[in-house]
C-alpha atoms as a PDB file:
ATOM      1  CA  MET A   1      64.555   2.105-139.347  1.00  0.00           C
ATOM      2  CA  SER A   2      65.108   1.181-135.687  1.00  0.00           C
ATOM      3  CA  ILE A   3      65.062  -2.155-133.853  1.00  0.00           C
ATOM      4  CA  ASN A   4      61.562  -2.937-132.513  1.00  0.00           C
ATOM      5  CA  PRO A   5      60.978  -3.501-128.763  1.00  0.00           C
ATOM      6  CA  ILE A   6      62.205  -7.193-128.806  1.00  0.00           C
ATOM      7  CA  GLY A   7      61.446  -7.369-125.174  1.00  0.00           C
ATOM      8  CA  CYS A   8      57.843  -7.021-125.710  1.00  0.00           C
ATOM      9  CA  SER A   9      57.658  -9.826-128.480  1.00  0.00           C
ATOM     10  CA  PRO A  10      55.638 -12.880-127.691  1.00  0.00           C
ATOM     11  CA  MET A  11      58.662 -15.100-128.384  1.00  0.00           C
ATOM     12  CA  VAL A  12      60.671 -13.269-125.610  1.00  0.00           C
ATOM     13  CA  ARG A  13      57.803 -13.117-123.309  1.00  0.00           C
ATOM     14  CA  THR A  14      57.189 -16.911-123.826  1.00  0.00           C
ATOM     15  CA  MET A  15      60.800 -17.699-123.021  1.00  0.00           C
ATOM     16  CA  VAL A  16      61.185 -15.680-119.930  1.00  0.00           C
ATOM     17  CA  GLN A  17      57.746 -16.907-118.700  1.00  0.00           C
ATOM     18  CA  HIS A  18      59.345 -20.437-118.398  1.00  0.00           C
ATOM     19  CA  SER A  19      62.467 -19.041-116.874  1.00  0.00           C
ATOM     20  CA  THR A  20      63.925 -17.951-113.479  1.00  0.00           C
ATOM     21  CA  PRO A  21      62.034 -15.752-110.953  1.00  0.00           C
ATOM     22  CA  THR A  22      64.909 -13.175-111.291  1.00  0.00           C
ATOM     23  CA  GLN A  23      64.245 -12.842-115.013  1.00  0.00           C
ATOM     24  CA  ASN A  24      60.481 -12.434-114.391  1.00  0.00           C
ATOM     25  CA  ARG A  25      61.172  -9.548-112.063  1.00  0.00           C
ATOM     26  CA  ASN A  26      62.846  -7.564-114.975  1.00  0.00           C
ATOM     27  CA  ARG A  27      59.389  -6.874-116.546  1.00  0.00           C
ATOM     28  CA  ASN A  28      57.704  -3.655-116.972  1.00  0.00           C
ATOM     29  CA  GLN A  29      54.167  -2.997-116.511  1.00  0.00           C
ATOM     30  CA  ASN A  30      53.477  -4.213-119.959  1.00  0.00           C
ATOM     31  CA  ARG A  31      55.179  -7.388-119.351  1.00  0.00           C
ATOM     32  CA  CYS A  32      58.110  -6.682-121.668  1.00  0.00           C
ATOM     33  CA  ILE A  33      61.566  -7.573-120.751  1.00  0.00           C
ATOM     34  CA  GLN A  34      63.395  -4.488-119.902  1.00  0.00           C
ATOM     35  CA  GLY A  35      66.849  -5.532-120.392  1.00  0.00           C
ATOM     36  CA  LEU A  36      66.208  -6.409-124.231  1.00  0.00           C
ATOM     37  CA  ASN A  37      64.288  -3.205-124.802  1.00  0.00           C
ATOM     38  CA  ILE A  38      67.212  -1.142-123.240  1.00  0.00           C
ATOM     39  CA  ALA A  39      69.889  -2.818-125.334  1.00  0.00           C
ATOM     40  CA  ALA A  40      67.423  -2.177-128.464  1.00  0.00           C
ATOM     41  CA  GLN A  41      67.161   1.462-127.261  1.00  0.00           C
ATOM     42  CA  LEU A  42      71.011   1.966-127.016  1.00  0.00           C
ATOM     43  CA  PHE A  43      71.418   0.661-130.571  1.00  0.00           C
ATOM     44  CA  ASN A  44      68.620   2.729-131.684  1.00  0.00           C
ATOM     45  CA  ASN A  45      70.103   5.930-130.055  1.00  0.00           C
ATOM     46  CA  HIS A  46      73.343   5.307-131.852  1.00  0.00           C
ATOM     47  CA  LEU A  47      71.661   4.844-135.170  1.00  0.00           C
ATOM     48  CA  LYS A  48      69.733   7.966-134.800  1.00  0.00           C
ATOM     49  CA  SER A  49      72.945   9.780-134.242  1.00  0.00           C
ATOM     50  CA  LEU A  50      74.431   8.239-137.331  1.00  0.00           C
ATOM     51  CA  VAL A  51      71.958  10.206-139.215  1.00  0.00           C
ATOM     52  CA  ASP A  52      73.604  13.437-138.300  1.00  0.00           C
ATOM     53  CA  THR A  53      77.190  12.132-138.504  1.00  0.00           C
ATOM     54  CA  MET A  54      76.797  10.586-141.945  1.00  0.00           C
ATOM     55  CA  LYS A  55      75.034  13.430-143.584  1.00  0.00           C
ATOM     56  CA  PRO A  56      78.117  15.793-144.000  1.00  0.00           C
ATOM     57  CA  GLN A  57      80.070  12.817-145.482  1.00  0.00           C
ATOM     58  CA  MET A  58      77.443  12.053-148.070  1.00  0.00           C
ATOM     59  CA  PRO A  59      76.725  15.370-149.822  1.00  0.00           C
ATOM     60  CA  GLY A  60      73.446  15.299-152.019  1.00  0.00           C
ATOM     61  CA  SER A  61      71.942  12.431-149.975  1.00  0.00           C
ATOM     62  CA  ALA A  62      69.071  12.585-147.500  1.00  0.00           C
ATOM     63  CA  LEU A  63      69.099  10.208-144.532  1.00  0.00           C
ATOM     64  CA  LEU A  64      66.085   9.848-142.241  1.00  0.00           C
ATOM     65  CA  TYR A  65      65.575   7.757-139.221  1.00  0.00           C
ATOM     66  CA  VAL A  66      62.175   5.951-138.487  1.00  0.00           C
ATOM     67  CA  ASN A  67      61.685   5.186-134.884  1.00  0.00           C
ATOM     68  CA  SER A  68      59.482   1.891-135.178  1.00  0.00           C
ATOM     69  CA  TYR A  69      60.531   1.108-131.550  1.00  0.00           C
ATOM     70  CA  LYS A  70      58.501   4.040-130.243  1.00  0.00           C
ATOM     71  CA  ILE A  71      55.693   3.698-132.694  1.00  0.00           C
ATOM     72  CA  ILE A  72      55.048  -0.019-131.560  1.00  0.00           C
ATOM     73  CA  ARG A  73      55.827   0.502-127.894  1.00  0.00           C
ATOM     74  CA  ASP A  74      52.957   3.234-128.028  1.00  0.00           C
ATOM     75  CA  ILE A  75      50.704   0.507-129.729  1.00  0.00           C
ATOM     76  CA  ILE A  76      51.687  -1.858-127.188  1.00  0.00           C
ATOM     77  CA  ARG A  77      50.948   0.475-124.085  1.00  0.00           C
ATOM     78  CA  ASN A  78      47.467   1.662-125.463  1.00  0.00           C
ATOM     79  CA  PRO A  79      46.371  -1.046-127.969  1.00  0.00           C
ATOM     80  CA  PHE A  80      42.589  -0.358-127.795  1.00  0.00           C
ATOM     81  CA  GLN A  81      43.184   3.435-128.367  1.00  0.00           C
ATOM     82  CA  LYS A  82      45.383   2.528-131.359  1.00  0.00           C
ATOM     83  CA  GLY A  83      42.723   0.207-132.852  1.00  0.00           C
ATOM     84  CA  PHE A  84      44.228  -3.258-131.667  1.00  0.00           C
ATOM     85  CA  LYS A  85      42.716  -5.735-129.212  1.00  0.00           C
ATOM     86  CA  GLU A  86      45.675  -8.138-128.802  1.00  0.00           C
ATOM     87  CA  ALA A  87      49.020  -6.694-127.912  1.00  0.00           C
ATOM     88  CA  SER A  88      50.849  -9.657-126.157  1.00  0.00           C
ATOM     89  CA  LYS A  89      50.107 -12.921-128.108  1.00  0.00           C
ATOM     90  CA  PRO A  90      50.730 -13.724-131.793  1.00  0.00           C
ATOM     91  CA  CYS A  91      48.075 -14.088-134.436  1.00  0.00           C
ATOM     92  CA  CYS A  92      49.274 -17.462-135.278  1.00  0.00           C
ATOM     93  CA  LYS A  93      50.074 -20.621-133.363  1.00  0.00           C
ATOM     94  CA  VAL A  94      53.936 -20.452-132.821  1.00  0.00           C
ATOM     95  CA  ALA A  95      55.834 -23.761-133.015  1.00  0.00           C
ATOM     96  CA  THR A  96      57.858 -24.156-129.999  1.00  0.00           C
ATOM     97  CA  LEU A  97      61.393 -25.554-129.609  1.00  0.00           C
ATOM     98  CA  SER A  98      59.998 -28.782-128.202  1.00  0.00           C
ATOM     99  CA  GLU A  99      57.755 -28.926-131.389  1.00  0.00           C
ATOM    100  CA  GLY A 100      60.664 -28.492-133.745  1.00  0.00           C
ATOM    101  CA  GLY A 101      60.092 -24.743-134.144  1.00  0.00           C
ATOM    102  CA  ASN A 102      62.223 -21.661-133.386  1.00  0.00           C
ATOM    103  CA  GLY A 103      59.509 -20.071-131.112  1.00  0.00           C
ATOM    104  CA  VAL A 104      59.247 -17.235-133.738  1.00  0.00           C
ATOM    105  CA  LEU A 105      57.623 -18.657-136.942  1.00  0.00           C
ATOM    106  CA  CYS A 106      54.079 -20.041-137.217  1.00  0.00           C
ATOM    107  CA  LYS A 107      53.437 -23.522-136.626  1.00  0.00           C
ATOM    108  CA  ARG A 108      52.881 -25.660-139.994  1.00  0.00           C
ATOM    109  CA  GLU A 109      49.156 -26.231-140.278  1.00  0.00           C
ATOM    110  CA  GLY A 110      48.685 -24.456-137.054  1.00  0.00           C
ATOM    111  CA  SER A 111      45.809 -22.053-136.295  1.00  0.00           C
ATOM    112  CA  VAL A 112      45.758 -18.438-137.311  1.00  0.00           C
ATOM    113  CA  CYS A 113      43.636 -15.708-135.874  1.00  0.00           C
ATOM    114  CA  GLY A 114      40.417 -14.624-137.592  1.00  0.00           C
ATOM    115  CA  ASN A 115      41.226 -10.980-137.719  1.00  0.00           C
ATOM    116  CA  ARG A 116      45.059 -10.230-138.198  1.00  0.00           C
ATOM    117  CA  SER A 117      44.403  -6.471-137.965  1.00  0.00           C
ATOM    118  CA  ASN A 118      43.297  -6.798-134.228  1.00  0.00           C
ATOM    119  CA  HIS A 119      46.809  -7.999-133.349  1.00  0.00           C
ATOM    120  CA  VAL A 120      50.129  -6.273-132.857  1.00  0.00           C
ATOM    121  CA  PHE A 121      51.989  -9.446-133.600  1.00  0.00           C
ATOM    122  CA  PHE A 122      51.633 -11.948-136.347  1.00  0.00           C
ATOM    123  CA  ASP A 123      53.896 -14.533-135.311  1.00  0.00           C
ATOM    124  CA  GLY A 124      56.615 -14.737-132.289  1.00  0.00           C
ATOM    125  CA  LEU A 125      58.634 -11.739-133.568  1.00  0.00           C
ATOM    126  CA  HIS A 126      57.179  -9.837-136.478  1.00  0.00           C
ATOM    127  CA  PRO A 127      54.440  -7.054-136.284  1.00  0.00           C
ATOM    128  CA  THR A 128      51.225  -7.462-138.353  1.00  0.00           C
ATOM    129  CA  GLU A 129      50.499  -5.541-141.599  1.00  0.00           C
ATOM    130  CA  ALA A 130      48.155  -3.305-139.516  1.00  0.00           C
ATOM    131  CA  VAL A 131      51.252  -2.350-137.199  1.00  0.00           C
ATOM    132  CA  ASN A 132      53.549  -1.776-140.399  1.00  0.00           C
ATOM    133  CA  ILE A 133      50.742   0.336-142.141  1.00  0.00           C
ATOM    134  CA  GLN A 134      50.846   2.543-139.009  1.00  0.00           C
ATOM    135  CA  ILE A 135      54.617   2.694-138.914  1.00  0.00           C
ATOM    136  CA  ALA A 136      54.581   3.699-142.701  1.00  0.00           C
ATOM    137  CA  ASN A 137      52.050   6.235-141.999  1.00  0.00           C
ATOM    138  CA  LYS A 138      54.076   7.711-139.353  1.00  0.00           C
ATOM    139  CA  ALA A 139      57.193   7.620-141.505  1.00  0.00           C
ATOM    140  CA  PHE A 140      55.536   9.403-144.237  1.00  0.00           C
ATOM    141  CA  ALA A 141      53.605  12.277-142.395  1.00  0.00           C
ATOM    142  CA  SER A 142      54.621  12.634-138.651  1.00  0.00           C
ATOM    143  CA  THR A 143      55.922  15.694-137.645  1.00  0.00           C
ATOM    144  CA  LEU A 144      57.094  14.464-134.133  1.00  0.00           C
ATOM    145  CA  PRO A 145      61.106  14.250-134.330  1.00  0.00           C
ATOM    146  CA  THR A 146      60.789  11.199-131.822  1.00  0.00           C
ATOM    147  CA  GLU A 147      59.075   9.287-134.407  1.00  0.00           C
ATOM    148  CA  VAL A 148      60.805  10.318-137.773  1.00  0.00           C
ATOM    149  CA  TYR A 149      63.999  12.465-137.797  1.00  0.00           C
ATOM    150  CA  PRO A 150      65.118  14.922-138.911  1.00  0.00           C
ATOM    151  CA  ILE A 151      62.372  15.070-141.520  1.00  0.00           C
ATOM    152  CA  ASN A 152      59.512  12.833-142.612  1.00  0.00           C
ATOM    153  CA  ILE A 153      59.379  10.986-146.078  1.00  0.00           C
ATOM    154  CA  GLN A 154      56.560  13.677-147.290  1.00  0.00           C
ATOM    155  CA  GLN A 155      59.245  16.414-146.673  1.00  0.00           C
ATOM    156  CA  LEU A 156      61.920  14.291-148.179  1.00  0.00           C
ATOM    157  CA  LEU A 157      59.792  13.979-151.459  1.00  0.00           C
ATOM    158  CA  GLN A 158      59.320  17.872-151.357  1.00  0.00           C
ATOM    159  CA  LEU A 159      63.153  18.379-151.111  1.00  0.00           C
ATOM    160  CA  GLN A 160      63.574  15.986-154.053  1.00  0.00           C
ATOM    161  CA  THR A 161      61.387  17.892-156.383  1.00  0.00           C
ATOM    162  CA  THR A 162      63.469  21.048-155.788  1.00  0.00           C
ATOM    163  CA  TYR A 163      66.730  19.303-157.414  1.00  0.00           C
END
């Protein structure tokens, strides 16, 4: 499983919103922080290549790579098309550093949105169940190697039944 587009998380967007003008210029059209997303993509590319590298060293095993980065990024780019109404703000009220929080987790006794399935992010960093369901569905059945590589879970299950 890849690292998600952390530069698009509400926590990072909020931190950079209150930072220097130079950091604000490093945003893309979706208001994501490019530098963090580039770092995540570099890691993810190496992780994907490990699937091919490790396979000969682990006979009898089947490895696959799920590109949650791409799946979430596609949702953020086209939230309405993917069934979401809010792609930049968390579902819950996140406790800031000045409130004794970490900018990620929900504030104790804070408000929570009425419909979590409309939001991409539940808190400052983590995707909602609705996003995770889309990732799981893609991992199970996607035939796109940019989403699941080299095979999906459904194909993996078919391989397992032939042993």
